[in-house]
Amino acid sequence: MKFDFHTGAWGLASHAARGLLFVSSFGSDEVLAFSEGGDFRYALTGDLDCPEGLALNGDQLYVASFLDSRIVAFDLSTRRGRTLALGPPVGVDYESLAFVPAAFDEPAARAARQRAAEMWNEDAEAAPFVDRLRGPEQLVVIGNATLAVSSLHNDSVLTLDLVTGELIEVVVDGAADDELSGPLGVASAGAAVAAAADTDEDCSDDDGGLLVASYRSDVVSVVRNCGGVAPLQLSDRRLRGPVAIAHDVEDPGSLYVGAYEASAVLYFNVSDAGDDAALLRRVADRVM
């Protein structure tokens, strides 16, 4: 699939029932829909500003609008979008052409609420203002009620209510834990993978969780549904700058990790970890 009108392909989401692949375009501020054969169908805009992560829940497509710190929900039946949640915009250093990883400043963030609402021509109360939502990047739907959002520049992973956009919890705070510094990739963790994280909590073997890839600390961790956060003991010298995670539900112990700094996709499997689940056994060694 190659096309000239799209710049900076970033997020992907596949809608099997509609036979569509959605691609977020960081440079052109839109989300493009393609057929399974690669033919362009339509574009979603909604005043997006450098869209990144995408997530689907039925006919609702959730988009992380990076620079203006919004989560936008599109109803695919009408192709109309609404702001689900908004936060303080990301700063840009135009001399160095770099994003400014400003530290979280709660008073300043709260003061920006009215200005942000006016900037986006929205009622300030129409969508909740989430102080910690600065520069959302990757998304994953958990169950049918929760959206997990990662933010590298705000050093956190948040969970939001899928309907109201209200903040549920700050599940990862990289500023408080060096092993979680720079969280970026997020994905649902099945029970086999989640059980490999050695937390202090008394969890059921059937309990899953949330996978988090921390770019700065080179660690993949599991946030257990039953409570507790622990790193997975993944041993590979190429696990540098992890940015993306995928888990194949047909292969319960599988874990694919995109390592940006090593230009590699690594495959791990914990299916045979047995009782000593904290010790992961890598059964394949692939670089793609």
Protein backbone atom coordinates (compact mmCIF):
# COMPACT_ATOMS: atom_id res chain seq x y z
CA MET A 1 0.00 0.00 0.00
CA LYS A 2 1.65 3.23 -1.15
CA PHE A 3 0.08 6.62 -1.64
CA ASP A 4 1.28 10.17 -2.27
CA PHE A 5 -1.30 12.14 -0.27
CA HIS A 6 -0.34 10.60 3.09
CA THR A 7 2.66 11.72 5.18
CA GLY A 8 3.93 10.10 8.33
CA ALA A 9 1.96 6.86 8.66
CA TRP A 10 1.74 6.17 12.39
CA GLY A 11 -1.22 4.35 13.95
CA LEU A 12 -3.08 1.37 12.50
CA ALA A 13 -6.46 -0.18 13.28
CA SER A 14 -8.24 -2.95 11.36
CA HIS A 15 -12.06 -3.14 11.27
CA ALA A 16 -12.82 -6.68 10.04
CA ALA A 17 -16.61 -6.24 9.86
CA ARG A 18 -16.29 -3.19 7.59
CA GLY A 19 -13.29 -4.56 5.72
CA LEU A 20 -11.30 -1.39 6.40
CA LEU A 21 -7.80 -0.52 7.57
CA PHE A 22 -7.45 2.86 9.29
CA VAL A 23 -4.11 4.68 9.13
CA SER A 24 -3.31 7.85 11.05
CA SER A 25 -1.30 10.43 9.12
CA PHE A 26 0.91 12.45 11.46
CA GLY A 27 1.88 14.98 8.79
CA SER A 28 -1.49 15.63 7.13
CA ASP A 29 -3.60 15.66 10.33
CA GLU A 30 -6.12 13.04 9.26
CA VAL A 31 -7.04 9.38 9.54
CA LEU A 32 -7.38 7.55 6.22
CA ALA A 33 -9.57 4.51 5.58
CA PHE A 34 -8.51 1.87 3.03
CA SER A 35 -10.11 -1.29 1.75
CA GLU A 36 -8.49 -4.65 2.44
CA GLY A 37 -7.09 -4.44 -1.08
CA GLY A 38 -5.44 -1.08 -0.38
CA ASP A 39 -7.91 1.22 -2.16
CA PHE A 40 -8.54 4.59 -0.54
CA ARG A 41 -12.09 4.98 0.80
CA TYR A 42 -12.35 8.18 2.85
CA ALA A 43 -10.61 10.48 5.35
CA LEU A 44 -11.53 11.52 8.89
CA THR A 45 -10.33 14.93 10.04
CA GLY A 46 -12.10 16.44 13.06
CA ASP A 47 -9.44 19.16 13.51
CA LEU A 48 -6.78 16.60 14.41
CA ASP A 49 -3.28 17.84 15.18
CA CYS A 50 -0.62 15.20 14.42
CA PRO A 51 -2.70 12.06 15.10
CA GLU A 52 -0.84 9.01 16.37
CA GLY A 53 -2.42 6.00 18.10
CA LEU A 54 -5.73 4.41 17.04
CA ALA A 55 -8.06 2.00 18.82
CA LEU A 56 -11.40 0.45 17.84
CA ASN A 57 -14.37 -0.58 19.94
CA GLY A 58 -17.19 -1.67 17.66
CA ASP A 59 -17.97 1.29 15.38
CA GLN A 60 -16.17 3.77 17.62
CA LEU A 61 -12.68 4.75 16.45
CA TYR A 62 -10.53 6.50 19.06
CA VAL A 63 -7.69 8.75 17.92
CA ALA A 64 -4.80 10.23 19.92
CA SER A 65 -4.35 13.80 18.63
CA PHE A 66 -0.80 14.42 19.82
CA LEU A 67 0.01 18.14 19.68
CA ASP A 68 -3.31 19.48 20.99
CA SER A 69 -3.57 16.67 23.58
CA ARG A 70 -7.02 15.40 22.67
CA ILE A 71 -8.64 12.00 22.46
CA VAL A 72 -11.15 12.14 19.60
CA ALA A 73 -13.91 9.52 19.18
CA PHE A 74 -15.32 8.99 15.67
CA ASP A 75 -18.64 7.24 15.08
CA LEU A 76 -17.94 5.28 11.90
CA SER A 77 -21.62 5.06 11.01
CA THR A 78 -21.79 8.86 10.65
CA ARG A 79 -18.03 9.65 10.32
CA ARG A 80 -18.48 12.43 12.85
CA GLY A 81 -16.00 12.99 15.64
CA ARG A 82 -16.22 14.44 19.13
CA THR A 83 -13.58 15.31 21.69
CA LEU A 84 -13.69 12.65 24.38
CA ALA A 85 -11.03 14.24 26.61
CA LEU A 86 -8.52 17.07 26.34
CA GLY A 87 -5.38 18.17 28.15
CA PRO A 88 -2.57 20.75 28.05
CA PRO A 89 -1.09 21.07 24.53
CA VAL A 90 2.46 19.88 23.83
CA GLY A 91 5.08 22.60 23.42
CA VAL A 92 7.30 22.78 20.35
CA ASP A 93 10.82 24.21 20.13
CA TYR A 94 10.77 25.54 16.58
CA GLU A 95 14.50 26.32 16.53
CA SER A 96 15.46 22.70 17.11
CA LEU A 97 12.21 21.34 15.62
CA ALA A 98 11.71 19.23 18.73
CA PHE A 99 8.80 18.61 21.05
CA VAL A 100 9.31 20.06 24.49
CA PRO A 101 9.05 17.37 27.20
CA ALA A 102 7.82 19.84 29.78
CA ALA A 103 7.37 18.59 33.34
CA PHE A 104 3.83 18.26 34.62
CA ASP A 105 2.71 21.52 36.26
CA GLU A 106 -0.75 21.09 37.75
CA PRO A 107 -1.56 24.80 38.39
CA ALA A 108 -0.48 25.76 34.87
CA ALA A 109 -2.38 22.83 33.37
CA ARG A 110 -5.59 23.83 35.12
CA ALA A 111 -5.16 27.45 34.01
CA ALA A 112 -4.96 26.30 30.39
CA ARG A 113 -8.44 24.78 30.45
CA GLN A 114 -10.40 27.76 29.17
CA ARG A 115 -7.73 28.75 26.64
CA ALA A 116 -7.65 25.21 25.22
CA ALA A 117 -11.42 25.05 24.91
CA GLU A 118 -11.49 28.39 23.08
CA MET A 119 -8.65 27.25 20.80
CA TRP A 120 -10.67 24.21 19.71
CA ASN A 121 -13.95 26.15 19.55
CA GLU A 122 -15.60 23.86 22.09
CA ASP A 123 -17.58 24.33 25.25
CA ALA A 124 -15.11 24.08 28.13
CA GLU A 125 -17.43 21.64 29.87
CA ALA A 126 -18.25 19.55 26.79
CA ALA A 127 -15.31 17.20 27.37
CA PRO A 128 -13.40 16.66 30.60
CA PHE A 129 -10.07 18.40 30.98
CA VAL A 130 -7.52 15.79 32.12
CA ASP A 131 -4.46 17.42 33.64
CA ARG A 132 -2.17 14.48 32.96
CA LEU A 133 -3.22 14.06 29.31
CA ARG A 134 -0.27 15.77 27.62
CA GLY A 135 0.78 14.46 24.22
CA PRO A 136 -1.25 11.21 23.96
CA GLU A 137 0.44 8.66 21.72
CA GLN A 138 -0.76 5.05 21.85
CA LEU A 139 -4.18 3.68 22.77
CA VAL A 140 -5.73 0.35 23.68
CA VAL A 141 -9.32 -0.50 24.63
CA ILE A 142 -9.63 -2.62 27.76
CA GLY A 143 -12.90 -4.54 27.95
CA ASN A 144 -15.77 -2.35 26.78
CA ALA A 145 -15.49 0.48 29.27
CA THR A 146 -11.89 1.68 29.51
CA LEU A 147 -9.32 3.31 27.23
CA ALA A 148 -5.63 3.17 28.18
CA VAL A 149 -3.54 6.08 26.87
CA SER A 150 0.25 6.37 26.89
CA SER A 151 2.18 9.64 26.94
CA LEU A 152 5.96 9.55 26.53
CA HIS A 153 6.34 13.30 27.11
CA ASN A 154 4.22 13.23 30.25
CA ASP A 155 5.85 10.02 31.50
CA SER A 156 2.53 8.33 32.22
CA VAL A 157 -0.18 5.88 31.20
CA LEU A 158 -3.75 6.85 32.01
CA THR A 159 -7.06 5.04 31.88
CA LEU A 160 -10.13 6.97 30.74
CA ASP A 161 -13.83 6.14 30.70
CA LEU A 162 -14.73 5.18 27.10
CA VAL A 163 -18.05 7.04 27.25
CA THR A 164 -17.43 10.13 29.38
CA GLY A 165 -13.68 10.61 28.89
CA GLU A 166 -13.22 11.09 32.64
CA LEU A 167 -9.88 10.07 34.16
CA ILE A 168 -10.13 6.74 35.96
CA GLU A 169 -6.55 6.28 37.12
CA VAL A 170 -2.89 7.12 36.47
CA VAL A 171 -1.73 3.50 36.16
CA VAL A 172 1.91 4.26 35.32
CA ASP A 173 3.96 7.22 36.56
CA GLY A 174 7.41 7.08 34.98
CA ALA A 175 8.58 10.11 36.97
CA ALA A 176 8.17 8.07 40.18
CA ASP A 177 9.65 4.78 38.93
CA ASP A 178 12.83 4.61 36.82
CA GLU A 179 11.87 1.21 35.37
CA LEU A 180 8.75 2.81 33.84
CA SER A 181 10.43 5.92 32.41
CA GLY A 182 9.12 7.00 29.03
CA PRO A 183 6.08 4.71 28.69
CA LEU A 184 5.02 4.51 25.05
CA GLY A 185 3.71 1.15 23.83
CA VAL A 186 0.52 -0.25 25.37
CA ALA A 187 -1.38 -3.48 24.72
CA SER A 188 -3.70 -5.87 26.51
CA ALA A 189 -1.94 -8.72 28.28
CA GLY A 190 -3.51 -12.16 28.30
CA ALA A 191 -3.38 -14.29 31.43
CA ALA A 192 -0.29 -16.28 30.33
CA VAL A 193 1.79 -13.16 29.74
CA ALA A 194 0.47 -11.26 32.76
CA ALA A 195 1.24 -14.21 35.05
CA ALA A 196 4.90 -13.95 34.07
CA ALA A 197 5.15 -10.63 35.93
CA ASP A 198 6.21 -11.32 39.49
CA THR A 199 4.06 -8.88 41.48
CA ASP A 200 3.46 -8.97 45.20
CA GLU A 201 -0.30 -9.20 44.70
CA ASP A 202 -2.25 -12.42 45.13
CA CYS A 203 -3.61 -12.77 41.60
CA SER A 204 -5.61 -15.48 39.90
CA ASP A 205 -3.94 -17.40 37.08
CA ASP A 206 -6.77 -16.20 34.82
CA ASP A 207 -6.20 -12.53 35.57
CA GLY A 208 -4.81 -10.42 32.72
CA GLY A 209 -3.46 -6.91 32.62
CA LEU A 210 -1.93 -4.10 30.58
CA LEU A 211 1.44 -4.34 28.83
CA VAL A 212 3.56 -1.17 28.87
CA ALA A 213 6.77 -0.62 26.88
CA SER A 214 9.01 2.03 28.45
CA TYR A 215 11.20 3.65 25.81
CA ARG A 216 13.75 5.30 28.09
CA SER A 217 14.26 2.44 30.53
CA ASP A 218 14.24 -0.41 27.93
CA VAL A 219 11.70 -2.36 29.97
CA VAL A 220 8.36 -4.05 29.23
CA SER A 221 6.11 -4.20 32.30
CA VAL A 222 2.72 -5.61 33.20
CA VAL A 223 0.08 -3.70 35.14
CA ARG A 224 -2.01 -6.52 36.62
CA ASN A 225 -5.80 -6.18 36.72
CA CYS A 226 -5.68 -7.47 40.27
CA GLY A 227 -3.17 -4.77 41.28
CA GLY A 228 0.58 -4.32 41.14
CA VAL A 229 3.12 -3.46 38.45
CA ALA A 230 6.17 -5.56 37.61
CA PRO A 231 8.70 -5.80 34.76
CA LEU A 232 8.94 -8.85 32.53
CA GLN A 233 12.39 -10.45 32.58
CA LEU A 234 13.06 -10.18 28.85
CA SER A 235 16.70 -10.85 28.09
CA ASP A 236 17.86 -9.62 24.72
CA ARG A 237 20.61 -7.13 23.95
CA ARG A 238 18.45 -5.66 21.18
CA LEU A 239 15.66 -4.64 23.53
CA ARG A 240 16.59 -0.96 23.21
CA GLY A 241 13.96 1.76 23.00
CA PRO A 242 10.82 -0.43 22.99
CA VAL A 243 7.94 1.49 21.42
CA ALA A 244 5.30 -1.06 20.41
CA ILE A 245 3.86 -4.33 21.72
CA ALA A 246 1.61 -6.95 20.16
CA HIS A 247 0.09 -10.07 21.67
CA ASP A 248 -1.43 -12.89 19.58
CA VAL A 249 -4.51 -14.26 21.36
CA GLU A 250 -4.14 -17.51 19.37
CA ASP A 251 -0.68 -17.96 20.90
CA PRO A 252 -1.33 -17.27 24.62
CA GLY A 253 2.28 -16.77 25.67
CA SER A 254 3.37 -14.69 22.71
CA LEU A 255 4.86 -11.24 22.93
CA TYR A 256 6.14 -9.14 20.02
CA VAL A 257 8.16 -6.04 20.92
CA GLY A 258 9.19 -3.30 18.50
CA ALA A 259 12.65 -2.05 19.54
CA TYR A 260 13.13 1.34 17.87
CA GLU A 261 16.79 1.91 18.73
CA ALA A 262 17.74 -1.58 17.48
CA SER A 263 15.52 -1.45 14.37
CA ALA A 264 14.16 -4.85 15.32
CA VAL A 265 10.94 -6.68 16.17
CA LEU A 266 11.61 -9.30 18.84
CA TYR A 267 9.47 -12.35 19.61
CA PHE A 268 9.25 -13.85 23.10
CA ASN A 269 7.06 -16.66 24.38
CA VAL A 270 6.17 -17.56 27.96
CA SER A 271 3.82 -20.46 27.32
CA ASP A 272 6.20 -22.98 28.92
CA ALA A 273 7.23 -20.85 31.88
CA GLY A 274 5.31 -23.21 34.18
CA ASP A 275 5.25 -22.56 37.92
CA ASP A 276 8.28 -20.30 37.80
CA ALA A 277 6.50 -17.81 35.55
CA ALA A 278 8.74 -14.89 36.53
CA LEU A 279 11.57 -16.50 34.52
CA LEU A 280 10.66 -16.01 30.88
CA ARG A 281 11.97 -18.51 28.38
CA ARG A 282 12.57 -17.07 24.93
CA VAL A 283 11.72 -19.85 22.48
CA ALA A 284 12.27 -17.93 19.28
CA ASP A 285 14.79 -15.33 18.23
CA ARG A 286 13.58 -13.33 15.27
CA VAL A 287 14.59 -10.00 13.83
CA MET A 288 12.17 -8.78 11.18
